[in-house]
N, C-alpha and C. Protein backbone atom coordinates (compact mmCIF):
# COMPACT_ATOMS: atom_id res chain seq x y z
N MET A 1 112.00 117.53 15.49
CA MET A 1 113.44 117.32 15.48
C MET A 1 113.70 115.81 15.59
N PRO A 2 114.48 115.25 14.70
CA PRO A 2 114.76 113.81 14.75
C PRO A 2 115.62 113.45 15.96
N LEU A 3 115.46 112.21 16.37
CA LEU A 3 116.26 111.72 17.50
C LEU A 3 117.71 111.52 17.08
N PRO A 4 118.63 111.75 18.01
CA PRO A 4 120.04 111.47 17.71
C PRO A 4 120.23 109.98 17.37
N PRO A 5 121.20 109.67 16.53
CA PRO A 5 121.42 108.27 16.09
C PRO A 5 121.68 107.28 17.22
N ILE A 6 122.15 107.75 18.36
CA ILE A 6 122.45 106.84 19.47
C ILE A 6 121.21 106.05 19.87
N TYR A 7 120.02 106.64 19.73
CA TYR A 7 118.81 105.95 20.15
C TYR A 7 118.44 104.82 19.19
N GLN A 8 118.78 104.96 17.93
CA GLN A 8 118.60 103.87 16.98
C GLN A 8 119.57 102.73 17.33
N GLN A 9 120.78 103.10 17.72
CA GLN A 9 121.76 102.10 18.14
C GLN A 9 121.29 101.38 19.40
N LEU A 10 120.69 102.13 20.31
CA LEU A 10 120.14 101.53 21.53
C LEU A 10 119.07 100.51 21.18
N ARG A 11 118.21 100.87 20.27
CA ARG A 11 117.13 99.96 19.85
C ARG A 11 117.72 98.67 19.28
N GLN A 12 118.72 98.78 18.43
CA GLN A 12 119.36 97.60 17.85
C GLN A 12 120.05 96.77 18.93
N PHE A 13 120.72 97.43 19.86
CA PHE A 13 121.38 96.75 20.95
C PHE A 13 120.37 95.96 21.79
N LEU A 14 119.26 96.61 22.13
CA LEU A 14 118.25 95.94 22.95
C LEU A 14 117.68 94.71 22.25
N THR A 15 117.45 94.82 20.96
CA THR A 15 116.94 93.69 20.20
C THR A 15 117.93 92.53 20.22
N SER A 16 119.19 92.82 19.95
CA SER A 16 120.19 91.74 19.92
C SER A 16 120.44 91.18 21.32
N PHE A 17 120.44 92.05 22.34
CA PHE A 17 120.66 91.58 23.70
C PHE A 17 119.52 90.68 24.15
N GLU A 18 118.29 91.05 23.83
CA GLU A 18 117.15 90.21 24.20
C GLU A 18 117.20 88.86 23.51
N GLN A 19 117.59 88.86 22.24
CA GLN A 19 117.69 87.59 21.51
C GLN A 19 118.79 86.71 22.12
N GLU A 20 119.94 87.31 22.39
CA GLU A 20 121.06 86.56 22.96
C GLU A 20 120.73 86.07 24.37
N SER A 21 120.07 86.91 25.16
CA SER A 21 119.76 86.52 26.53
C SER A 21 118.70 85.43 26.57
N THR A 22 117.82 85.40 25.60
CA THR A 22 116.83 84.34 25.53
C THR A 22 117.49 83.01 25.20
N MET A 23 118.47 83.05 24.31
CA MET A 23 119.15 81.82 23.90
C MET A 23 120.03 81.25 25.01
N THR A 24 120.62 82.11 25.85
CA THR A 24 121.53 81.63 26.89
C THR A 24 120.80 81.07 28.10
N GLU A 25 119.52 81.40 28.24
CA GLU A 25 118.73 80.93 29.37
C GLU A 25 119.38 81.26 30.71
N HIS A 26 120.04 82.37 30.78
CA HIS A 26 120.64 82.95 31.99
C HIS A 26 121.68 82.07 32.67
N LYS A 27 122.21 81.10 32.01
CA LYS A 27 123.19 80.22 32.66
C LYS A 27 124.63 80.57 32.32
N THR A 28 124.84 81.18 31.18
CA THR A 28 126.20 81.55 30.80
C THR A 28 126.29 83.07 30.66
N PRO A 29 127.45 83.64 30.90
CA PRO A 29 127.60 85.09 30.79
C PRO A 29 127.36 85.58 29.37
N VAL A 30 126.71 86.71 29.27
CA VAL A 30 126.51 87.36 27.98
C VAL A 30 127.74 88.23 27.76
N THR A 31 128.56 87.86 26.80
CA THR A 31 129.88 88.47 26.64
C THR A 31 129.82 89.86 26.03
N GLY A 32 130.62 90.76 26.57
CA GLY A 32 130.80 92.09 26.01
C GLY A 32 129.66 93.06 26.26
N ILE A 33 128.61 92.62 26.91
CA ILE A 33 127.45 93.47 27.12
C ILE A 33 127.77 94.65 28.03
N GLU A 34 128.52 94.39 29.09
CA GLU A 34 128.81 95.47 30.04
C GLU A 34 129.54 96.63 29.37
N LYS A 35 130.48 96.32 28.48
CA LYS A 35 131.24 97.37 27.79
C LYS A 35 130.31 98.18 26.89
N GLN A 36 129.41 97.51 26.19
CA GLN A 36 128.46 98.24 25.35
C GLN A 36 127.56 99.13 26.20
N ILE A 37 127.12 98.62 27.33
CA ILE A 37 126.26 99.41 28.22
C ILE A 37 127.02 100.63 28.72
N GLU A 38 128.27 100.46 29.10
CA GLU A 38 129.09 101.60 29.55
C GLU A 38 129.22 102.64 28.45
N ASN A 39 129.38 102.21 27.21
CA ASN A 39 129.47 103.16 26.09
C ASN A 39 128.17 103.95 25.94
N PHE A 40 127.04 103.27 26.07
CA PHE A 40 125.76 103.97 25.98
C PHE A 40 125.59 104.94 27.14
N ILE A 41 125.99 104.53 28.33
CA ILE A 41 125.88 105.40 29.50
C ILE A 41 126.69 106.67 29.29
N ALA A 42 127.85 106.55 28.67
CA ALA A 42 128.70 107.71 28.42
C ALA A 42 128.13 108.59 27.30
N GLU A 43 127.49 107.99 26.32
CA GLU A 43 127.05 108.72 25.13
C GLU A 43 125.67 109.38 25.28
N ILE A 44 124.75 108.75 25.97
CA ILE A 44 123.37 109.25 26.04
C ILE A 44 123.28 110.70 26.55
N PRO A 45 123.94 111.08 27.65
CA PRO A 45 123.77 112.45 28.15
C PRO A 45 124.17 113.53 27.15
N ARG A 46 125.04 113.22 26.23
CA ARG A 46 125.46 114.22 25.24
C ARG A 46 124.33 114.61 24.31
N THR A 47 123.27 113.84 24.28
CA THR A 47 122.16 114.10 23.37
C THR A 47 121.08 114.98 23.99
N PHE A 48 121.10 115.15 25.30
CA PHE A 48 120.00 115.80 25.99
C PHE A 48 119.72 117.23 25.51
N ASP A 49 120.73 118.01 25.26
CA ASP A 49 120.53 119.40 24.86
C ASP A 49 119.83 119.53 23.51
N ASP A 50 119.95 118.52 22.67
CA ASP A 50 119.36 118.58 21.33
C ASP A 50 117.92 118.06 21.29
N MET A 51 117.37 117.70 22.42
CA MET A 51 116.07 117.06 22.45
C MET A 51 115.01 117.97 23.07
N GLU A 52 113.77 117.75 22.67
CA GLU A 52 112.64 118.46 23.27
C GLU A 52 112.47 117.98 24.71
N PRO A 53 111.77 118.77 25.55
CA PRO A 53 111.68 118.42 26.98
C PRO A 53 111.17 117.01 27.27
N LEU A 54 110.09 116.57 26.63
CA LEU A 54 109.56 115.23 26.91
C LEU A 54 110.54 114.15 26.46
N ALA A 55 111.14 114.34 25.30
CA ALA A 55 112.13 113.38 24.80
C ALA A 55 113.35 113.36 25.73
N ARG A 56 113.73 114.53 26.22
CA ARG A 56 114.86 114.60 27.14
C ARG A 56 114.56 113.84 28.43
N SER A 57 113.33 113.98 28.93
CA SER A 57 112.94 113.25 30.14
C SER A 57 113.03 111.74 29.92
N LEU A 58 112.57 111.29 28.78
CA LEU A 58 112.66 109.87 28.46
C LEU A 58 114.12 109.45 28.32
N GLY A 59 114.94 110.32 27.73
CA GLY A 59 116.36 110.03 27.61
C GLY A 59 117.02 109.88 28.97
N VAL A 60 116.64 110.73 29.91
CA VAL A 60 117.19 110.66 31.27
C VAL A 60 116.78 109.33 31.91
N GLU A 61 115.51 108.94 31.74
CA GLU A 61 115.04 107.68 32.30
C GLU A 61 115.76 106.48 31.68
N ILE A 62 115.96 106.53 30.38
CA ILE A 62 116.68 105.45 29.70
C ILE A 62 118.10 105.37 30.23
N HIS A 63 118.74 106.51 30.39
CA HIS A 63 120.10 106.57 30.93
C HIS A 63 120.14 105.95 32.33
N LYS A 64 119.18 106.31 33.17
CA LYS A 64 119.11 105.76 34.53
C LYS A 64 118.92 104.24 34.48
N GLN A 65 118.03 103.78 33.61
CA GLN A 65 117.76 102.35 33.52
C GLN A 65 118.99 101.58 33.04
N PHE A 66 119.79 102.19 32.17
CA PHE A 66 121.01 101.53 31.72
C PHE A 66 122.02 101.41 32.86
N HIS A 67 122.09 102.41 33.73
CA HIS A 67 122.94 102.30 34.92
C HIS A 67 122.48 101.13 35.78
N LEU A 68 121.18 101.05 35.98
CA LEU A 68 120.63 99.97 36.80
C LEU A 68 120.83 98.61 36.15
N LEU A 69 120.71 98.55 34.82
CA LEU A 69 120.93 97.31 34.09
C LEU A 69 122.38 96.83 34.27
N LYS A 70 123.30 97.77 34.20
CA LYS A 70 124.71 97.43 34.40
C LYS A 70 124.91 96.82 35.79
N ASN A 71 124.30 97.42 36.81
CA ASN A 71 124.41 96.88 38.17
C ASN A 71 123.73 95.52 38.28
N ASP A 72 122.57 95.38 37.64
CA ASP A 72 121.87 94.09 37.66
C ASP A 72 122.75 92.99 37.07
N LEU A 73 123.42 93.30 35.98
CA LEU A 73 124.31 92.31 35.36
C LEU A 73 125.48 91.94 36.28
N LEU A 74 126.01 92.93 36.98
CA LEU A 74 127.09 92.65 37.93
C LEU A 74 126.61 91.73 39.05
N PHE A 75 125.41 92.01 39.58
CA PHE A 75 124.85 91.16 40.62
C PHE A 75 124.59 89.75 40.09
N TRP A 76 124.11 89.66 38.86
CA TRP A 76 123.85 88.36 38.25
C TRP A 76 125.15 87.56 38.11
N HIS A 77 126.21 88.23 37.64
CA HIS A 77 127.49 87.55 37.47
C HIS A 77 128.05 87.02 38.79
N THR A 78 127.82 87.74 39.87
CA THR A 78 128.40 87.35 41.15
C THR A 78 127.53 86.38 41.94
N ALA A 79 126.30 86.17 41.50
CA ALA A 79 125.42 85.23 42.21
C ALA A 79 125.99 83.82 42.14
N ARG A 80 125.95 83.13 43.26
CA ARG A 80 126.51 81.78 43.32
C ARG A 80 125.42 80.71 43.30
N GLN A 81 124.33 80.98 43.94
CA GLN A 81 123.23 80.03 44.00
C GLN A 81 122.37 80.15 42.75
N MET A 82 121.93 79.02 42.22
CA MET A 82 121.12 79.04 41.01
C MET A 82 119.80 79.79 41.22
N GLU A 83 119.23 79.66 42.40
CA GLU A 83 117.98 80.37 42.69
C GLU A 83 118.19 81.89 42.63
N THR A 84 119.29 82.34 43.22
CA THR A 84 119.63 83.77 43.19
C THR A 84 119.91 84.22 41.77
N LYS A 85 120.65 83.41 41.02
CA LYS A 85 120.97 83.73 39.63
C LYS A 85 119.68 83.85 38.80
N THR A 86 118.73 82.96 39.02
CA THR A 86 117.45 83.00 38.32
C THR A 86 116.68 84.27 38.68
N GLN A 87 116.67 84.60 39.96
CA GLN A 87 115.98 85.81 40.41
C GLN A 87 116.62 87.06 39.79
N ARG A 88 117.93 87.11 39.77
CA ARG A 88 118.65 88.25 39.17
C ARG A 88 118.34 88.33 37.67
N TRP A 89 118.23 87.18 37.03
CA TRP A 89 117.95 87.17 35.60
C TRP A 89 116.55 87.73 35.33
N ARG A 90 115.60 87.39 36.20
CA ARG A 90 114.24 87.96 36.05
C ARG A 90 114.28 89.48 36.20
N THR A 91 115.11 89.96 37.11
CA THR A 91 115.27 91.40 37.29
C THR A 91 115.83 92.04 36.02
N ILE A 92 116.79 91.39 35.40
CA ILE A 92 117.37 91.89 34.14
C ILE A 92 116.30 91.94 33.06
N GLN A 93 115.49 90.90 32.97
CA GLN A 93 114.42 90.86 31.97
C GLN A 93 113.40 91.98 32.21
N GLN A 94 113.07 92.23 33.46
CA GLN A 94 112.15 93.33 33.79
C GLN A 94 112.76 94.68 33.43
N ARG A 95 114.04 94.83 33.69
CA ARG A 95 114.73 96.07 33.35
C ARG A 95 114.70 96.30 31.84
N LEU A 96 114.94 95.24 31.07
CA LEU A 96 114.89 95.36 29.61
C LEU A 96 113.50 95.75 29.13
N THR A 97 112.48 95.20 29.76
CA THR A 97 111.11 95.56 29.41
C THR A 97 110.86 97.04 29.69
N THR A 98 111.32 97.52 30.82
CA THR A 98 111.16 98.93 31.17
C THR A 98 111.87 99.82 30.15
N ILE A 99 113.09 99.47 29.81
CA ILE A 99 113.83 100.26 28.82
C ILE A 99 113.10 100.25 27.48
N ASN A 100 112.59 99.11 27.08
CA ASN A 100 111.86 99.02 25.82
C ASN A 100 110.61 99.89 25.82
N VAL A 101 109.92 99.97 26.95
CA VAL A 101 108.74 100.83 27.05
C VAL A 101 109.15 102.29 26.85
N TYR A 102 110.21 102.71 27.52
CA TYR A 102 110.70 104.08 27.36
C TYR A 102 111.15 104.35 25.92
N MET A 103 111.83 103.38 25.33
CA MET A 103 112.28 103.54 23.94
C MET A 103 111.09 103.68 23.01
N GLN A 104 110.07 102.86 23.20
CA GLN A 104 108.88 102.94 22.35
C GLN A 104 108.21 104.30 22.48
N GLN A 105 108.10 104.80 23.70
CA GLN A 105 107.52 106.12 23.93
C GLN A 105 108.35 107.19 23.24
N LEU A 106 109.65 107.07 23.31
CA LEU A 106 110.55 108.04 22.68
C LEU A 106 110.37 108.05 21.17
N PHE A 107 110.29 106.88 20.58
CA PHE A 107 110.14 106.79 19.12
C PHE A 107 108.75 107.18 18.66
N ASN A 108 107.78 107.16 19.56
CA ASN A 108 106.41 107.56 19.21
C ASN A 108 106.21 109.07 19.26
N LEU A 109 107.16 109.79 19.81
CA LEU A 109 107.01 111.28 19.91
C LEU A 109 107.04 111.91 18.54
């Protein structure tokens, strides 16, 4: 059974977000990202019933990681000290890596 189109959109989003976040060097806000993440958070659970059990498990993990990514971005935005901002940015990069691993596993099924 093919994956719902939302996962292809997620892949494209992750690619563009990683490129944009690399260019900004974590010093300026990445605009509009939170709204896109909220849209994905709302849309992903609707796909679970159409997926096989392993794919559904990965979908649940991706959904959870997007919630955490949204929170990481909020913490990054509110950080005042550059050291804290840098640490939060590393957390965001790690979260993106985790999501990419799950996405790769999902597309390999």
